[in-house]
């Protein structure tokens, strides 16, 4: 999977992803790629990337692989298994692919590689396709557009 020259905009605002500084490079046809340059705040006591940052990167890239074929829907993580092969350091690239999907579920796998191409972590994930539902004090927002009137569920 090749990376385009420019980063792509995320289709929804995810404040935690913004905080981490993930950069979406690709999400199409059941595949996704996200670049991550960890800062000092993303390291653990051994001065390598914290496992939680790596797991978040894998979760987000696999979710994008799942959503790449159903952009009108959101996804929520149902299950995720992560294996760490070696410490992640420096610039990282996460790639994921959709292995199988049903009308409501997506099964994915993903990996993180360092700048030298070494495999640092691998994960599998199961996601459920969902529509955004109204909640007290929150407007319903279409995943691909502006906020809609409170209590109105998009029907696309």
C-alpha atoms as a PDB file:
ATOM      1  CA  UNK A   1       0.000   0.000   0.000  1.00  0.00           C
ATOM      2  CA  UNK A   2       1.663   3.220  -1.087  1.00  0.00           C
ATOM      3  CA  UNK A   3       1.398   6.566   0.672  1.00  0.00           C
ATOM      4  CA  UNK A   4       0.217   9.670  -1.164  1.00  0.00           C
ATOM      5  CA  UNK A   5       2.349  12.794  -0.907  1.00  0.00           C
ATOM      6  CA  UNK A   6      -0.148  14.707   1.264  1.00  0.00           C
ATOM      7  CA  UNK A   7      -2.075  13.858   4.411  1.00  0.00           C
ATOM      8  CA  UNK A   8      -5.826  13.379   4.107  1.00  0.00           C
ATOM      9  CA  UNK A   9      -8.359  15.037   6.394  1.00  0.00           C
ATOM     10  CA  UNK A  10     -10.045  12.783   8.924  1.00  0.00           C
ATOM     11  CA  UNK A  11     -13.763  12.594   8.065  1.00  0.00           C
ATOM     12  CA  UNK A  12     -14.815  13.142  11.678  1.00  0.00           C
ATOM     13  CA  UNK A  13     -13.198  15.134  14.458  1.00  0.00           C
ATOM     14  CA  UNK A  14     -11.581  12.858  17.035  1.00  0.00           C
ATOM     15  CA  UNK A  15      -9.966  15.082  19.691  1.00  0.00           C
ATOM     16  CA  UNK A  16      -7.792  12.262  21.081  1.00  0.00           C
ATOM     17  CA  UNK A  17      -6.397  11.522  17.598  1.00  0.00           C
ATOM     18  CA  UNK A  18      -5.664  15.237  17.153  1.00  0.00           C
ATOM     19  CA  UNK A  19      -3.856  15.261  20.517  1.00  0.00           C
ATOM     20  CA  UNK A  20      -1.695  12.317  19.464  1.00  0.00           C
ATOM     21  CA  UNK A  21      -0.916  13.892  16.085  1.00  0.00           C
ATOM     22  CA  UNK A  22      -1.888  10.981  13.833  1.00  0.00           C
ATOM     23  CA  UNK A  23      -1.789  11.748  10.086  1.00  0.00           C
ATOM     24  CA  UNK A  24      -4.167   9.902   7.786  1.00  0.00           C
ATOM     25  CA  UNK A  25      -2.381   8.853   4.588  1.00  0.00           C
ATOM     26  CA  UNK A  26      -4.884   6.459   3.004  1.00  0.00           C
ATOM     27  CA  UNK A  27      -8.319   4.980   3.570  1.00  0.00           C
ATOM     28  CA  UNK A  28      -9.930   3.351   0.576  1.00  0.00           C
ATOM     29  CA  UNK A  29     -11.061  -0.034  -0.679  1.00  0.00           C
ATOM     30  CA  UNK A  30     -10.722  -1.777   2.683  1.00  0.00           C
ATOM     31  CA  UNK A  31      -7.267  -0.421   3.497  1.00  0.00           C
ATOM     32  CA  UNK A  32      -5.947   2.399   5.666  1.00  0.00           C
ATOM     33  CA  UNK A  33      -2.597   3.933   6.551  1.00  0.00           C
ATOM     34  CA  UNK A  34      -1.748   6.383   9.330  1.00  0.00           C
ATOM     35  CA  UNK A  35       1.626   7.974  10.102  1.00  0.00           C
ATOM     36  CA  UNK A  36       2.675   8.852  13.653  1.00  0.00           C
ATOM     37  CA  UNK A  37       5.755  10.700  14.867  1.00  0.00           C
ATOM     38  CA  UNK A  38       5.778  10.141  18.635  1.00  0.00           C
ATOM     39  CA  UNK A  39       6.893  12.942  20.899  1.00  0.00           C
ATOM     40  CA  UNK A  40       8.434  12.701  24.363  1.00  0.00           C
ATOM     41  CA  UNK A  41       4.916  12.744  25.850  1.00  0.00           C
ATOM     42  CA  UNK A  42       4.093   9.476  24.023  1.00  0.00           C
ATOM     43  CA  UNK A  43       6.957   7.485  25.585  1.00  0.00           C
ATOM     44  CA  UNK A  44       7.025   5.152  28.560  1.00  0.00           C
ATOM     45  CA  UNK A  45       9.671   4.903  31.289  1.00  0.00           C
ATOM     46  CA  UNK A  46      11.958   2.968  28.908  1.00  0.00           C
ATOM     47  CA  UNK A  47      11.896   5.893  26.397  1.00  0.00           C
ATOM     48  CA  UNK A  48      10.025   3.873  23.762  1.00  0.00           C
ATOM     49  CA  UNK A  49       6.474   4.428  22.501  1.00  0.00           C
ATOM     50  CA  UNK A  50       3.933   3.621  25.200  1.00  0.00           C
ATOM     51  CA  UNK A  51       1.855   0.531  24.424  1.00  0.00           C
ATOM     52  CA  UNK A  52      -1.336   2.543  24.880  1.00  0.00           C
ATOM     53  CA  UNK A  53      -0.304   4.941  22.106  1.00  0.00           C
ATOM     54  CA  UNK A  54       0.511   1.975  19.855  1.00  0.00           C
ATOM     55  CA  UNK A  55      -2.820   0.306  20.614  1.00  0.00           C
ATOM     56  CA  UNK A  56      -4.684   3.540  19.913  1.00  0.00           C
ATOM     57  CA  UNK A  57      -2.864   3.846  16.589  1.00  0.00           C
ATOM     58  CA  UNK A  58      -3.863   0.285  15.676  1.00  0.00           C
ATOM     59  CA  UNK A  59      -7.468   0.838  16.784  1.00  0.00           C
ATOM     60  CA  UNK A  60      -7.809   3.994  14.690  1.00  0.00           C
ATOM     61  CA  UNK A  61      -6.170   2.564  11.556  1.00  0.00           C
ATOM     62  CA  UNK A  62      -8.265  -0.627  11.694  1.00  0.00           C
ATOM     63  CA  UNK A  63     -11.435   1.424  12.233  1.00  0.00           C
ATOM     64  CA  UNK A  64     -10.574   3.447   9.128  1.00  0.00           C
ATOM     65  CA  UNK A  65     -10.039   0.276   7.095  1.00  0.00           C
ATOM     66  CA  UNK A  66     -13.494  -0.884   8.220  1.00  0.00           C
ATOM     67  CA  UNK A  67     -15.117   2.495   7.467  1.00  0.00           C
ATOM     68  CA  UNK A  68     -13.420   2.840   4.073  1.00  0.00           C
ATOM     69  CA  UNK A  69     -16.127   0.665   2.529  1.00  0.00           C
ATOM     70  CA  UNK A  70     -19.024   2.182   4.571  1.00  0.00           C
ATOM     71  CA  UNK A  71     -18.199   5.877   4.940  1.00  0.00           C
ATOM     72  CA  UNK A  72     -21.812   6.694   5.819  1.00  0.00           C
ATOM     73  CA  UNK A  73     -21.471   4.703   9.059  1.00  0.00           C
ATOM     74  CA  UNK A  74     -19.370   4.993  12.170  1.00  0.00           C
ATOM     75  CA  UNK A  75     -17.715   2.036  13.853  1.00  0.00           C
ATOM     76  CA  UNK A  76     -17.215   1.051  17.452  1.00  0.00           C
ATOM     77  CA  UNK A  77     -14.569  -1.375  18.626  1.00  0.00           C
ATOM     78  CA  UNK A  78     -16.031  -4.672  19.831  1.00  0.00           C
ATOM     79  CA  UNK A  79     -12.790  -6.594  20.360  1.00  0.00           C
ATOM     80  CA  UNK A  80      -9.093  -6.031  19.763  1.00  0.00           C
ATOM     81  CA  UNK A  81      -6.053  -8.259  20.305  1.00  0.00           C
ATOM     82  CA  UNK A  82      -2.580  -6.766  20.113  1.00  0.00           C
ATOM     83  CA  UNK A  83       0.807  -8.472  20.026  1.00  0.00           C
ATOM     84  CA  UNK A  84       3.978  -6.447  20.551  1.00  0.00           C
ATOM     85  CA  UNK A  85       6.997  -7.800  18.659  1.00  0.00           C
ATOM     86  CA  UNK A  86       9.577  -5.168  19.602  1.00  0.00           C
ATOM     87  CA  UNK A  87       9.796  -1.690  21.051  1.00  0.00           C
ATOM     88  CA  UNK A  88       8.465   1.032  18.760  1.00  0.00           C
ATOM     89  CA  UNK A  89      10.780   4.014  18.334  1.00  0.00           C
ATOM     90  CA  UNK A  90      10.909   6.979  15.982  1.00  0.00           C
ATOM     91  CA  UNK A  91       8.524   7.576  13.094  1.00  0.00           C
ATOM     92  CA  UNK A  92       5.866   4.894  12.762  1.00  0.00           C
ATOM     93  CA  UNK A  93       3.460   3.808  10.052  1.00  0.00           C
ATOM     94  CA  UNK A  94       0.340   1.802  10.796  1.00  0.00           C
ATOM     95  CA  UNK A  95      -1.452  -0.097   8.049  1.00  0.00           C
ATOM     96  CA  UNK A  96      -4.689  -2.038   8.245  1.00  0.00           C
ATOM     97  CA  UNK A  97      -6.968  -4.019   5.999  1.00  0.00           C
ATOM     98  CA  UNK A  98     -10.526  -5.203   6.113  1.00  0.00           C
ATOM     99  CA  UNK A  99     -10.508  -9.005   6.120  1.00  0.00           C
ATOM    100  CA  UNK A 100     -14.268  -9.637   6.063  1.00  0.00           C
ATOM    101  CA  UNK A 101     -17.482  -7.740   6.647  1.00  0.00           C
ATOM    102  CA  UNK A 102     -21.130  -8.384   7.165  1.00  0.00           C
ATOM    103  CA  UNK A 103     -23.977  -5.869   7.198  1.00  0.00           C
ATOM    104  CA  UNK A 104     -23.155  -4.966  10.808  1.00  0.00           C
ATOM    105  CA  UNK A 105     -19.620  -6.195  11.563  1.00  0.00           C
ATOM    106  CA  UNK A 106     -16.099  -5.706  10.220  1.00  0.00           C
ATOM    107  CA  UNK A 107     -13.088  -7.936  10.870  1.00  0.00           C
ATOM    108  CA  UNK A 108      -9.684  -6.312  10.400  1.00  0.00           C
ATOM    109  CA  UNK A 109      -5.990  -6.686  11.005  1.00  0.00           C
ATOM    110  CA  UNK A 110      -3.283  -4.065  11.335  1.00  0.00           C
ATOM    111  CA  UNK A 111       0.391  -3.582  11.974  1.00  0.00           C
ATOM    112  CA  UNK A 112       2.851  -0.910  13.042  1.00  0.00           C
ATOM    113  CA  UNK A 113       6.275  -0.650  11.445  1.00  0.00           C
ATOM    114  CA  UNK A 114       9.141   1.667  12.336  1.00  0.00           C
ATOM    115  CA  UNK A 115      11.161   3.800   9.892  1.00  0.00           C
ATOM    116  CA  UNK A 116      13.447   0.826   9.130  1.00  0.00           C
ATOM    117  CA  UNK A 117      10.425  -1.316   8.233  1.00  0.00           C
ATOM    118  CA  UNK A 118      10.666  -3.520  11.327  1.00  0.00           C
ATOM    119  CA  UNK A 119       7.374  -4.962  12.570  1.00  0.00           C
ATOM    120  CA  UNK A 120       6.699  -3.522  16.032  1.00  0.00           C
ATOM    121  CA  UNK A 121       3.105  -4.598  16.706  1.00  0.00           C
ATOM    122  CA  UNK A 122       0.258  -6.523  15.094  1.00  0.00           C
ATOM    123  CA  UNK A 123      -3.448  -6.494  15.950  1.00  0.00           C
ATOM    124  CA  UNK A 124      -6.752  -7.934  14.927  1.00  0.00           C
ATOM    125  CA  UNK A 125      -9.975  -6.092  15.576  1.00  0.00           C
ATOM    126  CA  UNK A 126     -13.713  -6.544  15.327  1.00  0.00           C
ATOM    127  CA  UNK A 127     -15.855  -3.460  14.753  1.00  0.00           C
ATOM    128  CA  UNK A 128     -19.593  -2.879  14.645  1.00  0.00           C
ATOM    129  CA  UNK A 129     -21.049  -0.468  12.096  1.00  0.00           C
ATOM    130  CA  UNK A 130     -23.262   2.110  13.842  1.00  0.00           C
ATOM    131  CA  UNK A 131     -25.202   5.268  13.112  1.00  0.00           C
ATOM    132  CA  UNK A 132     -24.844   8.209  15.477  1.00  0.00           C
ATOM    133  CA  UNK A 133     -27.802   8.257  17.839  1.00  0.00           C
ATOM    134  CA  UNK A 134     -29.147  11.158  19.880  1.00  0.00           C
ATOM    135  CA  UNK A 135     -28.034  11.459  23.479  1.00  0.00           C
ATOM    136  CA  UNK A 136     -29.056  13.923  26.205  1.00  0.00           C
ATOM    137  CA  UNK A 137     -27.274  17.230  25.670  1.00  0.00           C
ATOM    138  CA  UNK A 138     -25.726  16.209  22.360  1.00  0.00           C
ATOM    139  CA  UNK A 139     -26.805  17.027  18.829  1.00  0.00           C
ATOM    140  CA  UNK A 140     -26.784  14.240  16.302  1.00  0.00           C
ATOM    141  CA  UNK A 141     -24.112  14.808  13.680  1.00  0.00           C
ATOM    142  CA  UNK A 142     -24.009  13.104  10.335  1.00  0.00           C
ATOM    143  CA  UNK A 143     -20.558  11.537   9.988  1.00  0.00           C
ATOM    144  CA  UNK A 144     -20.071  13.298   6.661  1.00  0.00           C
ATOM    145  CA  UNK A 145     -21.690  16.660   7.277  1.00  0.00           C
ATOM    146  CA  UNK A 146     -22.716  19.416   9.670  1.00  0.00           C
ATOM    147  CA  UNK A 147     -24.665  18.906  12.892  1.00  0.00           C
ATOM    148  CA  UNK A 148     -28.367  18.243  12.471  1.00  0.00           C
ATOM    149  CA  UNK A 149     -31.265  19.240  14.678  1.00  0.00           C
ATOM    150  CA  UNK A 150     -31.144  17.608  18.141  1.00  0.00           C
ATOM    151  CA  UNK A 151     -33.026  14.338  18.322  1.00  0.00           C
ATOM    152  CA  UNK A 152     -33.170  13.775  14.550  1.00  0.00           C
ATOM    153  CA  UNK A 153     -31.406  10.655  13.342  1.00  0.00           C
ATOM    154  CA  UNK A 154     -29.967  10.840   9.790  1.00  0.00           C
ATOM    155  CA  UNK A 155     -31.784   8.430   7.480  1.00  0.00           C
ATOM    156  CA  UNK A 156     -29.332   8.181   4.588  1.00  0.00           C
END
